[in-house]
Amino acid sequence: MLLSYLPIVLFVLLAAGFALATLFLSSVLGPRRPSKDKLSPYECGIDPVGSARERFSVKFYLVAMLFIVFDIEIVFLYPWAVVLNSLKLFGLVEMIFFLGILLVGLLYVWKKGGLEWTS
């Protein structure tokens, strides 16, 4: 049984070996000509302002996570819409319940000020 996995293991080892060999060869053979422009962070053609190591506010990450959570509902709405005719009233009630839970979560975050950028 384990013998059937041998080609997969060999392929993974070959791919990892190729990746490591490519990284090693590029570090050994690649040119090293650092300059101020090459070492500066890329800012879409605009001269960089401030440090690239600047810390982001926790609010930024909170809004990003909330966006992901509330954006995932679209992933659940699409298959539901595809099979809506076969689900009948039960599917409609279940989706209204699901969207109600999301609405309660959104109202909670809104009331707590999780969507505000300023303190």
Protein backbone atom coordinates (compact mmCIF):
# COMPACT_ATOMS: atom_id res chain seq x y z
CA MET A 1 0.00 0.00 0.00
CA LEU A 2 2.77 2.45 0.89
CA LEU A 3 4.57 1.58 -2.32
CA SER A 4 1.80 3.30 -4.30
CA TYR A 5 2.77 6.63 -2.67
CA LEU A 6 6.40 6.34 -3.81
CA PRO A 7 5.93 8.42 -7.02
CA ILE A 8 4.28 11.21 -5.04
CA VAL A 9 7.07 11.24 -2.44
CA LEU A 10 9.70 11.26 -5.18
CA PHE A 11 7.94 14.12 -6.96
CA VAL A 12 7.76 16.19 -3.75
CA LEU A 13 11.44 15.53 -3.01
CA LEU A 14 12.39 16.43 -6.59
CA ALA A 15 10.37 19.67 -6.44
CA ALA A 16 11.86 20.65 -3.06
CA GLY A 17 15.35 19.81 -4.28
CA PHE A 18 14.87 21.89 -7.42
CA ALA A 19 13.59 24.85 -5.39
CA LEU A 20 16.49 24.68 -2.92
CA ALA A 21 19.06 24.25 -5.71
CA THR A 22 17.63 27.24 -7.59
CA LEU A 23 17.74 29.43 -4.48
CA PHE A 24 21.29 28.33 -3.68
CA LEU A 25 22.57 28.89 -7.22
CA SER A 26 20.95 32.31 -7.48
CA SER A 27 22.56 33.39 -4.20
CA VAL A 28 25.99 32.10 -5.31
CA LEU A 29 25.96 33.17 -8.96
CA GLY A 30 23.73 36.26 -8.83
CA PRO A 31 25.24 39.75 -9.05
CA ARG A 32 25.42 41.84 -5.90
CA ARG A 33 25.23 45.54 -6.67
CA PRO A 34 23.20 47.13 -3.86
CA SER A 35 22.27 50.76 -4.22
CA LYS A 36 20.07 53.23 -2.39
CA ASP A 37 17.30 52.84 -4.97
CA LYS A 38 17.36 49.04 -4.86
CA LEU A 39 17.25 48.93 -1.08
CA SER A 40 14.38 51.42 -0.72
CA PRO A 41 10.80 50.14 -0.49
CA TYR A 42 8.74 50.35 -3.67
CA GLU A 43 5.97 52.94 -3.42
CA CYS A 44 4.35 52.74 -6.88
CA GLY A 45 6.80 55.17 -8.46
CA ILE A 46 6.46 57.77 -5.70
CA ASP A 47 9.38 58.66 -3.47
CA PRO A 48 9.01 56.73 -0.18
CA VAL A 49 7.74 58.72 2.78
CA GLY A 50 8.69 57.50 6.23
CA SER A 51 9.93 54.07 7.21
CA ALA A 52 8.84 50.78 5.66
CA ARG A 53 8.81 49.32 9.17
CA GLU A 54 5.93 51.53 10.26
CA ARG A 55 3.42 49.86 12.55
CA PHE A 56 -0.22 49.65 11.53
CA SER A 57 -3.01 50.34 13.92
CA VAL A 58 -4.85 47.36 15.36
CA LYS A 59 -8.02 48.90 13.88
CA PHE A 60 -6.66 48.17 10.40
CA TYR A 61 -6.33 44.47 11.16
CA LEU A 62 -9.71 44.38 12.90
CA VAL A 63 -11.45 45.92 9.90
CA ALA A 64 -9.60 43.51 7.59
CA MET A 65 -10.72 40.49 9.62
CA LEU A 66 -14.28 41.77 9.75
CA PHE A 67 -14.23 42.25 6.00
CA ILE A 68 -13.14 38.64 5.54
CA VAL A 69 -15.81 37.33 7.92
CA PHE A 70 -18.61 39.27 6.29
CA ASP A 71 -17.28 38.63 2.79
CA ILE A 72 -17.41 34.87 3.37
CA GLU A 73 -21.19 35.10 3.42
CA ILE A 74 -21.06 35.57 -0.35
CA VAL A 75 -19.40 32.16 -0.59
CA PHE A 76 -22.37 30.64 1.24
CA LEU A 77 -24.98 32.65 -0.66
CA TYR A 78 -23.93 31.47 -4.12
CA PRO A 79 -24.47 27.70 -3.65
CA TRP A 80 -27.66 28.45 -1.76
CA ALA A 81 -28.95 30.50 -4.69
CA VAL A 82 -28.06 27.69 -7.10
CA VAL A 83 -30.13 25.07 -5.24
CA LEU A 84 -32.86 27.40 -3.94
CA ASN A 85 -35.63 25.72 -5.96
CA SER A 86 -34.91 22.31 -4.47
CA LEU A 87 -34.67 23.64 -0.89
CA LYS A 88 -38.07 25.33 -0.99
CA LEU A 89 -39.23 27.15 2.14
CA PHE A 90 -36.81 25.33 4.47
CA GLY A 91 -33.79 26.69 2.57
CA LEU A 92 -35.20 30.20 2.60
CA VAL A 93 -35.79 30.10 6.37
CA GLU A 94 -32.31 28.70 7.00
CA MET A 95 -30.69 31.45 4.90
CA ILE A 96 -32.72 34.14 6.66
CA PHE A 97 -31.52 32.66 9.98
CA PHE A 98 -27.89 32.67 8.73
CA LEU A 99 -28.12 36.27 7.52
CA GLY A 100 -29.79 37.22 10.81
CA ILE A 101 -26.81 35.87 12.75
CA LEU A 102 -24.47 37.85 10.51
CA LEU A 103 -26.59 40.98 10.97
CA VAL A 104 -26.48 40.59 14.76
CA GLY A 105 -22.69 40.24 14.55
CA LEU A 106 -22.41 43.31 12.35
CA LEU A 107 -24.61 45.36 14.69
CA TYR A 108 -22.53 44.22 17.68
CA VAL A 109 -19.27 45.26 16.00
CA TRP A 110 -20.80 48.54 14.89
CA LYS A 111 -22.09 49.31 18.40
CA LYS A 112 -18.68 48.47 19.93
CA GLY A 113 -17.01 50.89 17.47
CA GLY A 114 -15.02 48.20 15.66
CA LEU A 115 -15.50 49.94 12.33
CA GLU A 116 -14.26 53.36 13.50
CA TRP A 117 -10.78 54.42 12.41
CA THR A 118 -10.33 57.04 15.12
CA SER A 119 -10.45 56.51 18.87
